[in-house]
Amino acid sequence: MIKILIVDDEPNILLSLEFLFKKEGYHVYIARDGEEALDIIAENLPELIILDIMMPNVDGYEVAKHLREKHKGIKIIFLTAKSKQQDIQKGLDLGADLYLVKPFSTKELVAKVKTLLN
């Protein structure tokens, strides 16, 4: 079963995306901040991470940097409210496979995840 990690400090986003991806047949882990995400990555190496940027403790940029240094094969989708071109470019420069801005279409997100994992 394909493992996905969803990292966001907004409980509503975590709950809705967890439900959505479990329904699609993925094994889903959730983390409320980057620190918790790094712990989950160390124990359960997911194939794909959906990652917010603005979070307490360790932000999404730091998590992405860690992933590209240690686990190059993991797909990264930034899902964030940061919509300035410089933020998008920074995310892509850190190795994101996709950068989506909130609010987002869940249908589009599921389609993009399927594309990235196939």
C-alpha atoms as a PDB file:
ATOM      1  CA  MET A   1       0.000   0.000   0.000  1.00  0.00           C
ATOM      2  CA  ILE A   2       1.356   3.419  -0.965  1.00  0.00           C
ATOM      3  CA  LYS A   3       2.132   5.636   2.033  1.00  0.00           C
ATOM      4  CA  ILE A   4       1.321   9.355   2.064  1.00  0.00           C
ATOM      5  CA  LEU A   5       2.230  11.830   4.790  1.00  0.00           C
ATOM      6  CA  ILE A   6       0.086  14.957   5.163  1.00  0.00           C
ATOM      7  CA  VAL A   7       1.744  17.768   7.129  1.00  0.00           C
ATOM      8  CA  ASP A   8      -0.337  20.790   8.131  1.00  0.00           C
ATOM      9  CA  ASP A   9      -1.094  22.697  11.320  1.00  0.00           C
ATOM     10  CA  GLU A  10      -4.748  23.211  10.341  1.00  0.00           C
ATOM     11  CA  PRO A  11      -6.823  20.324  11.804  1.00  0.00           C
ATOM     12  CA  ASN A  12      -9.630  20.682   9.218  1.00  0.00           C
ATOM     13  CA  ILE A  13      -7.215  20.226   6.331  1.00  0.00           C
ATOM     14  CA  LEU A  14      -5.605  17.208   7.998  1.00  0.00           C
ATOM     15  CA  LEU A  15      -8.949  15.540   8.655  1.00  0.00           C
ATOM     16  CA  SER A  16     -10.411  16.149   5.203  1.00  0.00           C
ATOM     17  CA  LEU A  17      -7.267  15.090   3.318  1.00  0.00           C
ATOM     18  CA  GLU A  18      -6.755  12.041   5.539  1.00  0.00           C
ATOM     19  CA  PHE A  19     -10.327  10.921   4.811  1.00  0.00           C
ATOM     20  CA  LEU A  20     -10.009  11.660   1.102  1.00  0.00           C
ATOM     21  CA  PHE A  21      -6.754   9.745   0.570  1.00  0.00           C
ATOM     22  CA  LYS A  22      -7.780   6.774   2.730  1.00  0.00           C
ATOM     23  CA  LYS A  23     -10.904   6.538   0.575  1.00  0.00           C
ATOM     24  CA  GLU A  24      -8.597   6.435  -2.488  1.00  0.00           C
ATOM     25  CA  GLY A  25      -6.773   3.437  -0.970  1.00  0.00           C
ATOM     26  CA  TYR A  26      -3.597   5.058   0.385  1.00  0.00           C
ATOM     27  CA  HIS A  27      -2.053   4.465   3.800  1.00  0.00           C
ATOM     28  CA  VAL A  28      -2.129   7.942   5.371  1.00  0.00           C
ATOM     29  CA  TYR A  29       0.006   9.434   8.125  1.00  0.00           C
ATOM     30  CA  ILE A  30      -0.635  12.906   9.502  1.00  0.00           C
ATOM     31  CA  ALA A  31       1.662  15.393  11.221  1.00  0.00           C
ATOM     32  CA  ARG A  32       0.771  18.744  12.779  1.00  0.00           C
ATOM     33  CA  ASP A  33       4.185  20.330  12.274  1.00  0.00           C
ATOM     34  CA  GLY A  34       7.536  19.734  10.615  1.00  0.00           C
ATOM     35  CA  GLU A  35       9.100  18.188  13.706  1.00  0.00           C
ATOM     36  CA  GLU A  36       6.402  15.521  13.904  1.00  0.00           C
ATOM     37  CA  ALA A  37       6.760  14.990  10.136  1.00  0.00           C
ATOM     38  CA  LEU A  38      10.495  14.291  10.438  1.00  0.00           C
ATOM     39  CA  ASP A  39       9.793  11.668  13.133  1.00  0.00           C
ATOM     40  CA  ILE A  40       7.208   9.939  10.938  1.00  0.00           C
ATOM     41  CA  ILE A  41       9.538  10.050   7.909  1.00  0.00           C
ATOM     42  CA  ALA A  42      12.306   8.391   9.941  1.00  0.00           C
ATOM     43  CA  GLU A  43      10.011   5.513  10.960  1.00  0.00           C
ATOM     44  CA  ASN A  44       7.635   5.056   8.012  1.00  0.00           C
ATOM     45  CA  LEU A  45       9.293   6.472   4.888  1.00  0.00           C
ATOM     46  CA  PRO A  46       6.314   7.586   2.747  1.00  0.00           C
ATOM     47  CA  GLU A  47       6.321   7.714  -1.050  1.00  0.00           C
ATOM     48  CA  LEU A  48       4.732  11.176  -1.105  1.00  0.00           C
ATOM     49  CA  ILE A  49       4.393  14.129   1.265  1.00  0.00           C
ATOM     50  CA  ILE A  50       1.775  16.858   1.113  1.00  0.00           C
ATOM     51  CA  LEU A  51       3.442  19.691   2.975  1.00  0.00           C
ATOM     52  CA  ASP A  52       2.350  23.055   4.331  1.00  0.00           C
ATOM     53  CA  ILE A  53       5.053  25.727   4.659  1.00  0.00           C
ATOM     54  CA  MET A  54       4.006  27.911   7.575  1.00  0.00           C
ATOM     55  CA  MET A  55       4.034  25.690  10.687  1.00  0.00           C
ATOM     56  CA  PRO A  56       5.365  25.914  14.233  1.00  0.00           C
ATOM     57  CA  ASN A  57       8.779  24.479  15.216  1.00  0.00           C
ATOM     58  CA  VAL A  58      10.075  23.213  11.858  1.00  0.00           C
ATOM     59  CA  ASP A  59       8.583  24.760   8.700  1.00  0.00           C
ATOM     60  CA  GLY A  60       7.846  23.056   5.396  1.00  0.00           C
ATOM     61  CA  TYR A  61      10.941  24.452   3.684  1.00  0.00           C
ATOM     62  CA  GLU A  62      13.154  22.793   6.318  1.00  0.00           C
ATOM     63  CA  VAL A  63      11.326  19.470   5.918  1.00  0.00           C
ATOM     64  CA  ALA A  64      11.753  19.635   2.119  1.00  0.00           C
ATOM     65  CA  LYS A  65      15.452  20.445   2.489  1.00  0.00           C
ATOM     66  CA  HIS A  66      15.911  17.440   4.803  1.00  0.00           C
ATOM     67  CA  LEU A  67      14.066  15.186   2.352  1.00  0.00           C
ATOM     68  CA  ARG A  68      16.180  16.215  -0.609  1.00  0.00           C
ATOM     69  CA  GLU A  69      19.372  15.617   1.403  1.00  0.00           C
ATOM     70  CA  LYS A  70      18.358  12.218   2.833  1.00  0.00           C
ATOM     71  CA  HIS A  71      15.464  10.794   0.759  1.00  0.00           C
ATOM     72  CA  LYS A  72      15.610  12.071  -2.809  1.00  0.00           C
ATOM     73  CA  GLY A  73      12.947   9.648  -4.098  1.00  0.00           C
ATOM     74  CA  ILE A  74      10.070  10.961  -1.983  1.00  0.00           C
ATOM     75  CA  LYS A  75       7.624  13.118  -3.942  1.00  0.00           C
ATOM     76  CA  ILE A  76       6.873  16.510  -2.373  1.00  0.00           C
ATOM     77  CA  ILE A  77       3.739  18.579  -2.891  1.00  0.00           C
ATOM     78  CA  PHE A  78       3.681  21.966  -1.204  1.00  0.00           C
ATOM     79  CA  LEU A  79       0.101  22.888  -0.272  1.00  0.00           C
ATOM     80  CA  THR A  80       0.225  26.370   1.196  1.00  0.00           C
ATOM     81  CA  ALA A  81      -1.287  29.830   1.407  1.00  0.00           C
ATOM     82  CA  LYS A  82       2.064  31.358   0.345  1.00  0.00           C
ATOM     83  CA  SER A  83       1.274  32.441  -3.196  1.00  0.00           C
ATOM     84  CA  LYS A  84       3.981  34.978  -4.077  1.00  0.00           C
ATOM     85  CA  GLN A  85       6.179  34.040  -7.005  1.00  0.00           C
ATOM     86  CA  GLN A  86       9.303  34.095  -4.787  1.00  0.00           C
ATOM     87  CA  ASP A  87       7.680  31.579  -2.384  1.00  0.00           C
ATOM     88  CA  ILE A  88       6.699  29.301  -5.246  1.00  0.00           C
ATOM     89  CA  GLN A  89      10.205  29.513  -6.707  1.00  0.00           C
ATOM     90  CA  LYS A  90      11.801  28.755  -3.322  1.00  0.00           C
ATOM     91  CA  GLY A  91       9.579  25.675  -2.963  1.00  0.00           C
ATOM     92  CA  LEU A  92      10.466  24.429  -6.424  1.00  0.00           C
ATOM     93  CA  ASP A  93      14.162  25.187  -5.859  1.00  0.00           C
ATOM     94  CA  LEU A  94      14.043  23.031  -2.714  1.00  0.00           C
ATOM     95  CA  GLY A  95      12.913  20.134  -4.865  1.00  0.00           C
ATOM     96  CA  ALA A  96       9.112  20.201  -4.705  1.00  0.00           C
ATOM     97  CA  ASP A  97       7.462  18.137  -7.417  1.00  0.00           C
ATOM     98  CA  LEU A  98       4.377  20.347  -7.253  1.00  0.00           C
ATOM     99  CA  TYR A  99       3.341  23.610  -5.586  1.00  0.00           C
ATOM    100  CA  LEU A 100      -0.380  24.193  -4.972  1.00  0.00           C
ATOM    101  CA  VAL A 101      -1.871  27.288  -3.357  1.00  0.00           C
ATOM    102  CA  LYS A 102      -4.740  27.250  -0.825  1.00  0.00           C
ATOM    103  CA  PRO A 103      -7.640  27.287  -1.313  1.00  0.00           C
ATOM    104  CA  PHE A 104      -7.319  24.221  -3.517  1.00  0.00           C
ATOM    105  CA  SER A 105      -9.491  21.726  -5.348  1.00  0.00           C
ATOM    106  CA  THR A 106      -9.479  18.319  -3.649  1.00  0.00           C
ATOM    107  CA  LYS A 107     -10.333  16.702  -6.983  1.00  0.00           C
ATOM    108  CA  GLU A 108      -7.279  18.352  -8.583  1.00  0.00           C
ATOM    109  CA  LEU A 109      -5.059  17.345  -5.643  1.00  0.00           C
ATOM    110  CA  VAL A 110      -6.096  13.681  -5.878  1.00  0.00           C
ATOM    111  CA  ALA A 111      -5.488  13.694  -9.643  1.00  0.00           C
ATOM    112  CA  LYS A 112      -2.021  15.282  -9.200  1.00  0.00           C
ATOM    113  CA  VAL A 113      -1.082  12.759  -6.487  1.00  0.00           C
ATOM    114  CA  LYS A 114      -2.096   9.851  -8.734  1.00  0.00           C
ATOM    115  CA  THR A 115      -0.047  11.316 -11.595  1.00  0.00           C
ATOM    116  CA  LEU A 116       3.037  11.793  -9.413  1.00  0.00           C
ATOM    117  CA  LEU A 117       2.855   8.272  -8.003  1.00  0.00           C
ATOM    118  CA  ASN A 118       2.428   6.533 -11.378  1.00  0.00           C
END
